[in-house]
Amino acid sequence: MDWDPYCAVFENEQVKLMRIEPDLHKQVMGENEALEVVSNAMRSSRAGVFQILIA
């Protein structure tokens, strides 16, 4: 099987999304819950998953 640049980009994106929360924790202190929410929102957005909030 030949090297597929599309798959390489996708795998690289997966690694970035898995590391997003620890990377943010290095730059922002004391906002654990907010960083978790932002990280989850970024992962969902990149995956194409949307959550509808009904107030």
Protein backbone atom coordinates (compact mmCIF):
# COMPACT_ATOMS: atom_id res chain seq x y z
CA MET A 1 0.00 0.00 0.00
CA ASP A 2 1.31 3.41 -0.94
CA TRP A 3 1.64 6.34 1.42
CA ASP A 4 -1.57 8.36 1.46
CA PRO A 5 -1.07 12.05 2.34
CA TYR A 6 -4.76 12.42 3.21
CA CYS A 7 -4.50 9.71 5.87
CA ALA A 8 -1.28 11.23 7.19
CA VAL A 9 -2.99 14.60 7.63
CA PHE A 10 -5.98 12.95 9.28
CA GLU A 11 -3.75 11.02 11.71
CA ASN A 12 -1.80 14.19 12.51
CA GLU A 13 -5.08 16.00 13.20
CA GLN A 14 -6.16 13.18 15.54
CA VAL A 15 -2.94 13.50 17.53
CA LYS A 16 -3.40 17.27 17.82
CA LEU A 17 -6.99 16.87 19.03
CA MET A 18 -5.98 14.28 21.62
CA ARG A 19 -3.28 16.62 22.98
CA ILE A 20 -5.33 19.83 22.88
CA GLU A 21 -6.38 19.83 26.53
CA PRO A 22 -2.92 19.15 28.04
CA ASP A 23 -1.44 21.76 25.70
CA LEU A 24 -4.00 24.35 26.82
CA HIS A 25 -3.33 23.50 30.49
CA LYS A 26 0.32 24.49 29.96
CA GLN A 27 -0.75 27.99 28.94
CA VAL A 28 -3.82 28.61 31.11
CA MET A 29 -3.76 28.01 34.86
CA GLY A 30 -6.72 27.44 37.16
CA GLU A 31 -9.47 27.12 34.55
CA ASN A 32 -9.77 23.32 34.39
CA GLU A 33 -13.50 23.11 33.75
CA ALA A 34 -13.42 25.83 31.09
CA LEU A 35 -10.49 24.15 29.30
CA GLU A 36 -12.33 20.83 29.33
CA VAL A 37 -15.43 22.43 27.79
CA VAL A 38 -13.39 24.26 25.14
CA SER A 39 -11.37 21.13 24.31
CA ASN A 40 -14.52 19.02 23.94
CA ALA A 41 -16.14 21.69 21.76
CA MET A 42 -13.08 21.80 19.49
CA ARG A 43 -13.04 18.01 19.14
CA SER A 44 -16.77 17.91 18.40
CA SER A 45 -16.47 20.69 15.86
CA ARG A 46 -13.64 18.99 13.99
CA ALA A 47 -15.56 15.70 14.03
CA GLY A 48 -18.71 17.38 12.69
CA VAL A 49 -20.75 16.67 15.80
CA PHE A 50 -23.09 19.41 16.89
CA GLN A 51 -24.98 19.65 20.15
CA ILE A 52 -28.25 21.55 20.22
CA LEU A 53 -28.83 23.36 23.48
CA ILE A 54 -32.45 24.01 24.41
CA ALA A 55 -32.93 26.60 27.12
